[in-house]
N, C-alpha and C. Protein backbone atom coordinates (compact mmCIF):
# COMPACT_ATOMS: atom_id res chain seq x y z
N MET A 1 16.45 -17.10 9.51
CA MET A 1 16.11 -16.63 8.35
C MET A 1 14.55 -16.54 8.40
N LEU A 2 13.77 -17.45 8.97
CA LEU A 2 12.30 -17.18 8.83
C LEU A 2 11.83 -15.83 9.78
N ALA A 3 12.45 -15.80 10.81
CA ALA A 3 11.84 -14.71 11.97
C ALA A 3 12.50 -13.49 11.33
N GLY A 4 13.87 -13.42 10.60
CA GLY A 4 14.22 -12.20 9.95
C GLY A 4 13.35 -11.78 8.86
N ILE A 5 12.75 -12.59 7.99
CA ILE A 5 11.97 -12.38 6.99
C ILE A 5 10.49 -11.89 7.62
N LEU A 6 9.99 -12.48 8.46
CA LEU A 6 8.70 -12.10 9.06
C LEU A 6 8.88 -10.59 9.91
N GLY A 7 10.01 -10.60 10.58
CA GLY A 7 10.22 -9.15 11.12
C GLY A 7 10.55 -8.09 10.24
N ALA A 8 11.09 -8.40 9.15
CA ALA A 8 11.32 -7.23 7.92
C ALA A 8 10.06 -7.04 7.32
N LEU A 9 9.19 -7.86 7.06
CA LEU A 9 7.95 -7.65 6.36
C LEU A 9 7.06 -6.91 7.21
N VAL A 10 7.02 -7.22 8.63
CA VAL A 10 6.16 -6.33 9.47
C VAL A 10 6.66 -4.96 9.53
N ALA A 11 8.04 -4.82 9.85
CA ALA A 11 8.50 -3.45 10.04
C ALA A 11 8.50 -2.52 8.89
N GLY A 12 8.72 -3.24 7.51
CA GLY A 12 8.44 -2.59 6.28
C GLY A 12 6.98 -2.14 6.08
N GLY A 13 6.20 -3.13 6.61
CA GLY A 13 4.63 -2.69 6.47
C GLY A 13 4.24 -1.23 7.39
N LEU A 14 4.92 -1.47 8.38
CA LEU A 14 4.78 -0.16 9.42
C LEU A 14 5.36 1.21 9.01
N GLY A 15 6.21 1.02 7.97
CA GLY A 15 6.69 2.34 7.43
C GLY A 15 8.24 2.38 7.61
N LEU A 16 8.82 1.23 8.22
CA LEU A 16 10.32 1.58 8.09
C LEU A 16 10.95 1.40 6.67
N PRO A 17 12.01 2.03 6.52
CA PRO A 17 12.45 1.90 5.06
C PRO A 17 13.11 0.60 4.54
N ILE A 18 12.22 -0.25 4.65
CA ILE A 18 12.53 -1.61 4.23
C ILE A 18 11.46 -2.14 3.05
N PRO A 19 11.98 -2.05 1.85
CA PRO A 19 11.19 -2.56 0.75
C PRO A 19 10.73 -3.87 1.08
N GLU A 20 9.31 -4.03 0.69
CA GLU A 20 8.80 -5.52 1.02
C GLU A 20 9.41 -6.50 0.01
N GLU A 21 9.66 -5.94 -1.07
CA GLU A 21 10.14 -7.05 -2.20
C GLU A 21 11.37 -7.71 -1.68
N LEU A 22 12.36 -6.99 -1.07
CA LEU A 22 13.67 -7.68 -0.85
C LEU A 22 13.41 -8.87 0.27
N PRO A 23 12.49 -8.72 1.18
CA PRO A 23 12.37 -10.00 1.99
C PRO A 23 11.98 -11.19 1.13
N LEU A 24 10.70 -10.71 0.38
CA LEU A 24 10.18 -11.65 -0.43
C LEU A 24 11.17 -12.21 -1.56
N LEU A 25 11.92 -11.72 -2.16
CA LEU A 25 13.05 -12.11 -3.05
C LEU A 25 13.94 -12.98 -2.04
N ALA A 26 14.29 -12.48 -0.97
CA ALA A 26 15.41 -13.50 -0.20
C ALA A 26 14.50 -14.90 0.08
N ALA A 27 13.40 -14.76 0.40
CA ALA A 27 12.67 -16.01 0.67
C ALA A 27 12.59 -16.88 -0.56
N GLY A 28 12.26 -16.35 -1.81
CA GLY A 28 12.32 -17.05 -2.91
C GLY A 28 13.94 -17.77 -3.35
N ALA A 29 14.77 -17.01 -2.79
CA ALA A 29 16.07 -17.43 -3.13
C ALA A 29 16.21 -18.40 -2.04
N SER A 30 15.94 -18.19 -0.91
CA SER A 30 16.17 -19.30 0.07
C SER A 30 15.37 -20.84 -0.15
N ALA A 31 14.20 -20.49 -0.79
CA ALA A 31 13.57 -21.76 -1.26
C ALA A 31 14.34 -22.58 -2.46
N TRP A 32 15.22 -21.68 -3.32
CA TRP A 32 15.83 -22.19 -4.36
C TRP A 32 16.85 -23.09 -3.68
N ARG A 33 17.58 -22.47 -2.76
CA ARG A 33 18.70 -23.03 -2.27
C ARG A 33 18.41 -24.09 -1.34
N ARG A 34 17.12 -24.47 -1.17
CA ARG A 34 16.59 -25.58 -0.20
C ARG A 34 16.88 -25.34 1.36
N GLU A 35 16.92 -24.18 1.72
CA GLU A 35 17.10 -23.83 3.09
C GLU A 35 15.94 -24.11 3.89
N HIS A 36 14.72 -23.85 3.43
CA HIS A 36 13.47 -24.02 3.94
C HIS A 36 12.49 -24.41 2.88
N PRO A 37 11.48 -25.18 3.10
CA PRO A 37 10.43 -25.44 2.21
C PRO A 37 9.76 -24.26 1.43
N LEU A 38 9.44 -24.22 0.29
CA LEU A 38 8.84 -23.06 -0.18
C LEU A 38 7.30 -22.71 0.26
N ALA A 39 6.65 -23.78 0.83
CA ALA A 39 5.47 -23.52 1.64
C ALA A 39 5.48 -22.67 2.85
N LEU A 40 6.45 -23.13 3.57
CA LEU A 40 6.91 -22.75 4.86
C LEU A 40 7.25 -21.07 4.74
N LEU A 41 8.08 -20.78 3.60
CA LEU A 41 8.60 -19.63 3.27
C LEU A 41 7.28 -18.58 2.82
N VAL A 42 6.62 -19.16 2.00
CA VAL A 42 5.48 -18.22 1.50
C VAL A 42 4.30 -18.04 2.59
N ALA A 43 4.10 -18.93 3.47
CA ALA A 43 3.20 -18.81 4.75
C ALA A 43 3.84 -17.71 5.45
N THR A 44 5.13 -17.85 5.78
CA THR A 44 5.86 -16.76 6.59
C THR A 44 5.61 -15.36 6.04
N CYS A 45 5.81 -15.31 4.69
CA CYS A 45 5.75 -14.03 3.96
C CYS A 45 4.34 -13.55 4.09
N LEU A 46 3.26 -14.36 3.69
CA LEU A 46 2.04 -13.90 4.02
C LEU A 46 1.71 -13.52 5.28
N CYS A 47 2.03 -14.15 6.41
CA CYS A 47 1.89 -13.69 7.79
C CYS A 47 2.54 -12.36 8.03
N GLY A 48 3.56 -12.12 7.52
CA GLY A 48 4.28 -11.02 7.88
C GLY A 48 3.43 -9.77 7.02
N LEU A 49 3.28 -9.82 5.90
CA LEU A 49 2.64 -8.85 5.06
C LEU A 49 1.19 -8.56 5.77
N VAL A 50 0.39 -9.52 5.87
CA VAL A 50 -0.86 -9.52 6.59
C VAL A 50 -0.87 -8.70 7.93
N ALA A 51 0.24 -9.14 8.67
CA ALA A 51 0.24 -8.44 10.20
C ALA A 51 0.58 -7.12 9.94
N GLY A 52 1.70 -6.56 9.22
CA GLY A 52 1.99 -5.39 9.08
C GLY A 52 0.74 -4.39 8.62
N ASP A 53 0.06 -4.93 7.52
CA ASP A 53 -1.04 -4.23 6.96
C ASP A 53 -2.18 -4.17 8.08
N SER A 54 -2.39 -5.28 8.44
CA SER A 54 -3.48 -5.06 10.02
C SER A 54 -3.31 -4.18 10.80
N ILE A 55 -2.12 -4.12 11.34
CA ILE A 55 -1.56 -2.83 12.34
C ILE A 55 -2.05 -1.64 11.75
N LEU A 56 -1.46 -1.46 10.39
CA LEU A 56 -1.76 0.02 10.06
C LEU A 56 -3.36 0.25 9.93
N TYR A 57 -3.94 -0.78 9.53
CA TYR A 57 -5.62 -0.74 9.37
C TYR A 57 -6.07 -0.34 10.81
N TRP A 58 -5.72 -0.95 11.81
CA TRP A 58 -6.02 -0.68 13.14
C TRP A 58 -5.72 0.72 13.64
N ILE A 59 -4.62 1.20 13.09
CA ILE A 59 -4.13 2.58 13.65
C ILE A 59 -5.23 3.57 12.93
N GLY A 60 -5.35 3.24 11.59
CA GLY A 60 -6.54 3.93 11.05
C GLY A 60 -7.71 4.19 11.48
N ARG A 61 -8.11 3.04 12.14
CA ARG A 61 -9.38 2.65 12.57
C ARG A 61 -9.69 3.40 13.94
N ARG A 62 -8.53 3.19 14.67
CA ARG A 62 -8.39 3.97 15.89
C ARG A 62 -8.38 5.37 15.95
N PHE A 63 -7.48 5.96 15.30
CA PHE A 63 -7.10 7.43 15.24
C PHE A 63 -7.61 8.09 13.99
N GLY A 64 -8.26 7.50 13.00
CA GLY A 64 -8.89 8.13 11.82
C GLY A 64 -9.84 9.02 12.30
N PRO A 65 -10.74 8.93 13.08
CA PRO A 65 -11.63 10.17 13.41
C PRO A 65 -10.98 11.39 13.92
N ARG A 66 -9.86 11.04 14.63
CA ARG A 66 -9.15 12.41 15.04
C ARG A 66 -8.41 12.95 13.99
N LEU A 67 -7.86 12.20 13.15
CA LEU A 67 -7.21 12.82 11.80
C LEU A 67 -8.36 13.51 10.98
N ALA A 68 -9.26 12.98 10.89
CA ALA A 68 -10.62 13.39 10.09
C ALA A 68 -10.70 14.97 10.63
N ARG A 69 -10.90 15.30 11.81
CA ARG A 69 -10.96 16.40 12.50
C ARG A 69 -10.09 17.75 12.00
N TRP A 70 -9.01 17.08 11.55
CA TRP A 70 -8.05 18.18 11.04
C TRP A 70 -8.31 18.44 9.54
N TRP A 71 -8.80 17.69 8.81
CA TRP A 71 -9.41 17.93 7.59
C TRP A 71 -10.81 18.53 7.52
N ARG A 72 -11.28 19.13 6.31
CA ARG A 72 -12.48 19.66 6.41
C ARG A 72 -13.60 18.32 6.18
N ARG A 73 -14.60 18.39 6.90
CA ARG A 73 -15.66 17.32 7.26
C ARG A 73 -15.94 16.79 5.67
N GLU A 74 -16.09 17.41 4.75
CA GLU A 74 -16.69 16.98 3.56
C GLU A 74 -15.85 16.37 2.80
N ARG A 75 -14.26 16.66 2.95
CA ARG A 75 -13.43 15.96 2.40
C ARG A 75 -13.22 14.60 3.02
N SER A 76 -13.35 14.40 4.38
CA SER A 76 -13.37 13.24 5.23
C SER A 76 -14.42 12.25 4.62
N GLU A 77 -15.67 12.95 4.51
CA GLU A 77 -16.73 11.97 3.93
C GLU A 77 -16.64 11.50 2.80
N ARG A 78 -16.06 12.50 1.95
CA ARG A 78 -15.69 12.00 0.51
C ARG A 78 -14.83 10.76 0.51
N ILE A 79 -13.71 10.82 1.19
CA ILE A 79 -12.80 9.59 1.13
C ILE A 79 -13.64 8.61 1.75
N GLU A 80 -14.48 8.69 2.79
CA GLU A 80 -15.05 7.26 3.22
C GLU A 80 -15.86 7.00 2.04
N ARG A 81 -16.85 7.62 1.48
CA ARG A 81 -17.59 7.29 0.29
C ARG A 81 -16.76 6.62 -0.90
N HIS A 82 -15.46 7.08 -1.03
CA HIS A 82 -14.70 6.51 -2.23
C HIS A 82 -14.29 5.24 -1.65
N PHE A 83 -13.91 4.99 -0.43
CA PHE A 83 -13.57 3.64 0.24
C PHE A 83 -14.59 2.62 0.16
N ALA A 84 -15.71 3.06 0.31
CA ALA A 84 -16.93 2.29 0.45
C ALA A 84 -17.28 1.77 -1.06
N ARG A 85 -16.80 2.65 -2.01
CA ARG A 85 -17.41 2.18 -3.52
C ARG A 85 -15.98 1.36 -4.06
N HIS A 86 -14.95 1.85 -3.69
CA HIS A 86 -13.54 1.47 -4.38
C HIS A 86 -12.55 0.94 -3.37
N GLY A 87 -12.86 0.57 -2.17
CA GLY A 87 -11.99 0.02 -1.19
C GLY A 87 -11.39 -1.28 -1.73
N ALA A 88 -12.02 -2.20 -2.27
CA ALA A 88 -11.08 -3.54 -2.86
C ALA A 88 -10.22 -3.03 -3.83
N LYS A 89 -10.52 -2.60 -5.09
CA LYS A 89 -9.43 -1.97 -6.02
C LYS A 89 -8.47 -1.42 -5.22
N MET A 90 -8.71 -0.15 -4.37
CA MET A 90 -7.65 0.56 -3.83
C MET A 90 -6.63 -0.29 -3.12
N LEU A 91 -7.27 -1.46 -2.28
CA LEU A 91 -6.23 -2.33 -1.59
C LEU A 91 -5.35 -3.23 -2.30
N LEU A 92 -6.19 -3.39 -3.34
CA LEU A 92 -5.26 -4.58 -4.46
C LEU A 92 -4.38 -3.89 -5.09
N LEU A 93 -4.43 -2.40 -5.53
CA LEU A 93 -3.42 -1.47 -6.06
C LEU A 93 -2.35 -1.04 -5.21
N ALA A 94 -2.73 -0.95 -4.02
CA ALA A 94 -1.84 -0.38 -2.86
C ALA A 94 -0.51 -1.41 -2.78
N ARG A 95 -0.82 -2.53 -2.97
CA ARG A 95 0.29 -3.46 -2.75
C ARG A 95 1.34 -3.25 -3.50
N PHE A 96 1.05 -2.77 -4.88
CA PHE A 96 2.20 -2.21 -5.91
C PHE A 96 2.48 -0.76 -6.05
N ALA A 97 2.01 0.01 -4.98
CA ALA A 97 2.31 1.48 -4.84
C ALA A 97 3.46 1.81 -3.65
N PRO A 98 4.67 1.40 -3.89
CA PRO A 98 5.47 1.61 -2.65
C PRO A 98 5.46 3.17 -2.43
N GLY A 99 5.51 3.51 -1.16
CA GLY A 99 5.40 4.88 -0.40
C GLY A 99 4.09 5.22 -0.40
N ALA A 100 3.03 4.63 -0.78
CA ALA A 100 1.69 5.19 -0.72
C ALA A 100 0.80 3.93 0.09
N ARG A 101 1.52 2.88 0.06
CA ARG A 101 0.61 1.67 0.49
C ARG A 101 0.09 1.85 1.94
N SER A 102 1.10 2.32 2.90
CA SER A 102 0.79 2.70 4.23
C SER A 102 -0.47 3.71 4.38
N ALA A 103 -0.65 4.73 3.57
CA ALA A 103 -1.58 5.70 3.52
C ALA A 103 -2.91 4.93 2.96
N PHE A 104 -2.88 4.13 2.22
CA PHE A 104 -4.04 3.20 1.79
C PHE A 104 -4.53 2.41 2.76
N LEU A 105 -3.58 1.77 3.63
CA LEU A 105 -4.11 0.75 4.76
C LEU A 105 -4.68 1.66 5.84
N VAL A 106 -4.16 2.69 6.20
CA VAL A 106 -4.49 3.54 7.34
C VAL A 106 -5.88 4.08 7.07
N GLY A 107 -5.89 4.64 5.52
CA GLY A 107 -7.23 4.90 4.99
C GLY A 107 -8.33 4.06 5.13
N ALA A 108 -8.13 2.81 4.86
CA ALA A 108 -9.00 1.84 4.96
C ALA A 108 -9.60 1.66 6.48
N GLY A 109 -8.95 1.81 7.37
CA GLY A 109 -9.15 1.71 8.71
C GLY A 109 -10.05 2.80 9.16
N ALA A 110 -9.63 4.03 8.73
CA ALA A 110 -10.07 5.36 8.93
C ALA A 110 -11.51 5.46 8.39
N ALA A 111 -11.69 4.85 7.31
CA ALA A 111 -12.97 4.74 6.54
C ALA A 111 -13.84 3.69 6.79
N ARG A 112 -13.30 3.01 8.06
CA ARG A 112 -14.24 1.92 8.68
C ARG A 112 -14.73 0.79 7.76
N MET A 113 -13.74 0.46 6.86
CA MET A 113 -14.05 -0.73 5.85
C MET A 113 -14.14 -1.73 7.03
N PRO A 114 -14.99 -2.71 7.00
CA PRO A 114 -15.03 -3.79 7.61
C PRO A 114 -13.81 -4.72 7.65
N PHE A 115 -13.36 -5.40 8.97
CA PHE A 115 -12.11 -5.90 8.93
C PHE A 115 -12.26 -7.00 8.00
N GLY A 116 -13.19 -7.79 8.15
CA GLY A 116 -13.06 -9.08 7.38
C GLY A 116 -12.92 -8.84 5.95
N ARG A 117 -13.62 -7.78 5.35
CA ARG A 117 -13.56 -7.29 4.17
C ARG A 117 -12.07 -6.94 3.65
N PHE A 118 -11.47 -6.21 4.67
CA PHE A 118 -9.96 -5.64 4.44
C PHE A 118 -9.11 -6.93 4.37
N LEU A 119 -9.36 -7.91 5.21
CA LEU A 119 -8.55 -9.09 5.20
C LEU A 119 -8.67 -9.88 4.06
N VAL A 120 -9.65 -9.85 3.47
CA VAL A 120 -9.95 -10.57 2.21
C VAL A 120 -8.95 -9.82 1.02
N TYR A 121 -9.38 -8.77 0.73
CA TYR A 121 -8.64 -8.07 -0.33
C TYR A 121 -7.21 -7.74 -0.13
N ASP A 122 -6.78 -7.48 1.22
CA ASP A 122 -5.42 -7.48 1.48
C ASP A 122 -4.80 -8.78 1.29
N GLY A 123 -5.50 -9.87 1.70
CA GLY A 123 -4.98 -11.14 1.63
C GLY A 123 -4.62 -11.59 0.15
N VAL A 124 -5.64 -11.18 -0.89
CA VAL A 124 -5.53 -11.53 -2.27
C VAL A 124 -4.31 -10.67 -2.73
N ALA A 125 -4.18 -9.38 -2.40
CA ALA A 125 -3.03 -8.58 -2.89
C ALA A 125 -1.71 -9.17 -2.26
N ALA A 126 -1.73 -9.61 -0.93
CA ALA A 126 -0.47 -10.25 -0.52
C ALA A 126 -0.30 -11.39 -1.17
N CYS A 127 -1.28 -12.22 -1.50
CA CYS A 127 -0.89 -13.54 -2.22
C CYS A 127 -0.29 -13.34 -3.68
N ILE A 128 -0.61 -12.29 -4.28
CA ILE A 128 -0.20 -11.94 -5.72
C ILE A 128 1.14 -11.16 -5.52
N GLY A 129 1.48 -10.47 -4.57
CA GLY A 129 2.63 -9.85 -4.32
C GLY A 129 3.80 -11.08 -3.92
N THR A 130 3.21 -11.74 -2.86
CA THR A 130 4.14 -12.62 -2.68
C THR A 130 4.56 -13.69 -3.73
N GLY A 131 3.57 -14.10 -4.48
CA GLY A 131 3.92 -15.13 -5.62
C GLY A 131 4.79 -14.57 -6.57
N VAL A 132 4.65 -13.11 -6.92
CA VAL A 132 5.68 -12.44 -8.01
C VAL A 132 6.92 -12.57 -7.41
N TRP A 133 7.04 -11.85 -6.24
CA TRP A 133 8.38 -11.63 -5.91
C TRP A 133 9.16 -12.95 -5.29
N CYS A 134 8.39 -13.71 -4.60
CA CYS A 134 9.15 -15.13 -4.18
C CYS A 134 9.38 -15.78 -5.54
N GLY A 135 8.76 -15.72 -6.53
CA GLY A 135 8.76 -16.53 -7.90
C GLY A 135 10.15 -15.84 -8.34
N VAL A 136 10.06 -14.56 -8.48
CA VAL A 136 11.24 -13.92 -9.20
C VAL A 136 12.61 -14.27 -8.22
N GLY A 137 12.60 -14.38 -6.91
CA GLY A 137 13.56 -14.86 -6.14
C GLY A 137 14.08 -16.23 -6.40
N PHE A 138 12.80 -16.91 -6.52
CA PHE A 138 13.43 -18.56 -6.75
C PHE A 138 14.00 -18.52 -8.11
N ALA A 139 13.40 -17.93 -9.17
CA ALA A 139 13.93 -18.11 -10.52
C ALA A 139 15.52 -17.55 -10.59
N CYS A 140 15.60 -16.45 -9.73
CA CYS A 140 17.20 -15.74 -9.89
C CYS A 140 17.74 -16.17 -8.60
N GLY A 141 17.51 -17.30 -7.99
CA GLY A 141 18.12 -17.78 -6.72
C GLY A 141 19.63 -17.87 -6.98
N ARG A 142 20.25 -18.08 -8.06
CA ARG A 142 21.57 -18.40 -7.99
C ARG A 142 22.37 -16.93 -7.88
N ASP A 143 21.62 -15.88 -8.44
CA ASP A 143 22.38 -14.78 -8.39
C ASP A 143 21.46 -13.41 -8.20
N LEU A 144 20.98 -13.38 -6.89
CA LEU A 144 20.12 -12.28 -6.47
C LEU A 144 20.68 -10.99 -7.07
N SER A 145 21.85 -10.62 -7.17
CA SER A 145 22.30 -9.25 -7.43
C SER A 145 22.15 -9.03 -8.86
N ALA A 146 21.48 -10.01 -9.85
CA ALA A 146 21.09 -9.81 -11.21
C ALA A 146 19.67 -9.05 -11.12
N ILE A 147 18.94 -9.13 -10.08
CA ILE A 147 17.88 -8.48 -9.92
C ILE A 147 17.79 -7.19 -8.93
N ARG A 148 18.70 -6.99 -8.32
CA ARG A 148 18.76 -5.84 -7.50
C ARG A 148 18.58 -4.58 -8.32
N GLY A 149 19.30 -4.36 -9.39
CA GLY A 149 18.96 -3.30 -10.32
C GLY A 149 17.53 -3.19 -10.61
N TRP A 150 16.94 -4.30 -11.06
CA TRP A 150 15.58 -4.28 -11.54
C TRP A 150 14.57 -3.84 -10.47
N VAL A 151 14.89 -4.34 -9.17
CA VAL A 151 14.00 -3.82 -8.08
C VAL A 151 13.98 -2.45 -7.86
N GLY A 152 15.34 -1.91 -8.08
CA GLY A 152 15.55 -0.45 -7.85
C GLY A 152 14.92 0.19 -9.07
N ARG A 153 15.09 -0.18 -10.21
CA ARG A 153 14.03 0.38 -11.43
C ARG A 153 12.57 0.44 -11.18
N TYR A 154 12.22 -0.63 -10.48
CA TYR A 154 10.66 -0.89 -10.26
C TYR A 154 10.18 0.38 -9.34
N HIS A 155 11.18 0.40 -8.18
CA HIS A 155 10.76 1.39 -7.39
C HIS A 155 10.67 2.99 -7.80
N GLN A 156 11.73 3.22 -8.64
CA GLN A 156 11.82 4.46 -9.20
C GLN A 156 10.66 4.54 -10.19
N THR A 157 10.34 3.65 -11.01
CA THR A 157 9.15 3.85 -11.87
C THR A 157 7.94 4.04 -11.12
N ALA A 158 7.71 3.17 -10.14
CA ALA A 158 6.48 3.33 -9.23
C ALA A 158 6.35 4.64 -8.74
N GLY A 159 7.47 5.17 -8.01
CA GLY A 159 7.51 6.39 -7.37
C GLY A 159 7.24 7.54 -8.47
N MET A 160 7.85 7.47 -9.68
CA MET A 160 7.60 8.49 -10.34
C MET A 160 6.02 8.63 -11.04
N VAL A 161 5.52 7.34 -11.24
CA VAL A 161 4.10 7.32 -11.42
C VAL A 161 3.22 7.73 -10.44
N LEU A 162 3.58 7.48 -9.16
CA LEU A 162 2.77 8.10 -8.04
C LEU A 162 2.99 9.67 -7.90
N LEU A 163 4.15 10.06 -8.26
CA LEU A 163 4.23 11.51 -8.07
C LEU A 163 3.60 12.12 -9.36
N ALA A 164 3.56 11.62 -10.36
CA ALA A 164 2.85 12.08 -11.51
C ALA A 164 1.24 12.00 -11.26
N ALA A 165 0.90 11.18 -10.59
CA ALA A 165 -0.44 11.06 -10.32
C ALA A 165 -0.93 11.97 -9.43
N LEU A 166 0.06 12.28 -8.21
CA LEU A 166 -0.28 13.34 -7.30
C LEU A 166 -0.11 14.55 -7.85
N ALA A 167 0.82 14.82 -8.71
CA ALA A 167 0.85 16.16 -9.23
C ALA A 167 -0.57 16.33 -10.26
N GLY A 168 -1.02 15.59 -10.89
CA GLY A 168 -2.09 15.39 -11.48
C GLY A 168 -3.36 15.91 -10.74
N ALA A 169 -3.42 15.14 -9.57
CA ALA A 169 -4.69 15.47 -8.81
C ALA A 169 -4.58 16.85 -8.16
N LEU A 170 -3.24 17.34 -7.83
CA LEU A 170 -3.19 18.75 -7.27
C LEU A 170 -3.65 19.73 -8.37
N VAL A 171 -3.27 19.45 -9.57
CA VAL A 171 -3.43 20.43 -10.74
C VAL A 171 -5.09 20.37 -10.82
N LEU A 172 -5.85 19.17 -10.90
CA LEU A 172 -7.05 18.98 -10.91
C LEU A 172 -7.98 19.91 -9.73
N GLN A 173 -7.24 19.64 -8.53
CA GLN A 173 -7.90 20.39 -7.58
C GLN A 173 -7.89 21.82 -7.54
N ALA A 174 -6.78 22.50 -8.23
CA ALA A 174 -6.64 23.68 -8.40
C ALA A 174 -7.44 24.25 -9.25
N VAL A 175 -7.45 23.59 -10.49
CA VAL A 175 -8.57 24.01 -11.54
C VAL A 175 -9.94 23.94 -10.88
N ARG A 176 -10.49 22.91 -10.24
CA ARG A 176 -11.70 23.06 -9.64
C ARG A 176 -11.97 24.34 -8.60
N ALA A 177 -10.95 24.51 -7.68
CA ALA A 177 -11.07 25.66 -6.68
C ALA A 177 -11.07 27.04 -7.73
N PHE A 178 -10.30 27.09 -8.74
CA PHE A 178 -10.50 28.21 -9.52
C PHE A 178 -11.92 28.38 -10.12
N ARG A 179 -12.32 27.40 -10.70
CA ARG A 179 -13.55 27.26 -11.29
C ARG A 179 -14.79 27.92 -10.06
N ARG A 180 -14.65 27.18 -8.91
CA ARG A 180 -15.63 27.49 -8.00
C ARG A 180 -15.53 29.04 -7.61
N ALA A 181 -14.20 29.67 -7.34
CA ALA A 181 -14.10 30.79 -7.04
C ALA A 181 -14.60 31.98 -8.24
N ARG A 182 -14.50 31.44 -9.48
CA ARG A 182 -14.87 32.27 -10.55
C ARG A 182 -16.44 32.30 -10.58
N ALA A 183 -17.02 31.13 -10.26
CA ALA A 183 -18.36 31.04 -10.33
C ALA A 183 -19.10 31.93 -8.91
N GLN A 184 -18.34 31.76 -7.91
CA GLN A 184 -18.86 32.54 -6.85
C GLN A 184 -18.67 34.13 -7.08
N ARG A 185 -17.72 34.46 -7.88
CA ARG A 185 -17.57 35.97 -8.25
C ARG A 185 -18.65 36.44 -9.32
N ALA A 186 -18.91 35.26 -10.19
CA ALA A 186 -19.79 35.69 -11.17
C ALA A 186 -21.39 35.77 -10.60
N HIS A 187 -21.77 34.95 -9.47
CA HIS A 187 -22.75 34.69 -8.90
C HIS A 187 -22.63 34.93 -7.45
N PRO A 188 -22.53 36.23 -6.97
CA PRO A 188 -22.37 36.31 -5.42
C PRO A 188 -23.78 35.88 -4.90
N VAL A 189 -23.46 35.30 -3.47
CA VAL A 189 -24.54 34.93 -2.65
C VAL A 189 -24.90 36.34 -1.73
N LYS A 190 -26.12 36.59 -1.82
CA LYS A 190 -26.63 37.67 -1.02
C LYS A 190 -26.94 37.29 0.10
N SER A 191 -26.56 38.04 1.24
CA SER A 191 -26.78 37.82 2.81
C SER A 191 -27.59 38.67 3.31
């Protein structure tokens, strides 16, 4: 059971289609059934979450500069500045953004966030997520099927919010590009 939870959390953190909430719920339910001590289950969950997240961080750290070459340099530098200013908040929020979490973690590595700082903020976010989902699993340990629908709705809602934010960002980017083009047409640069 413990190895399965650990493996599922690391695999889900690496992008396999395993929502991390499910192993956390299973861990909470296992604690309710007294199959393993709660402290051992929580420690296992935290290790799995942070291990998967750290692997993604190091992938970003190692391959981030190569990925940045594909983007325009100013965009890459802007992302690095954004992580320098808001990296902690981004990591805390990434835990609750299914589907985007991996991009945030790789981005932290690519932006060269110090690993110690990454571990602190990712660890805090992992503690919050583990506490919430293991707590729900423990509280509903008798009948996990009662919360399966709730988890599905959470993912749908989070996905819709993420898509709406992405659409808003794309529209904002298009408006800025339109304004820049209009300003350049109004004031052409003479060479």
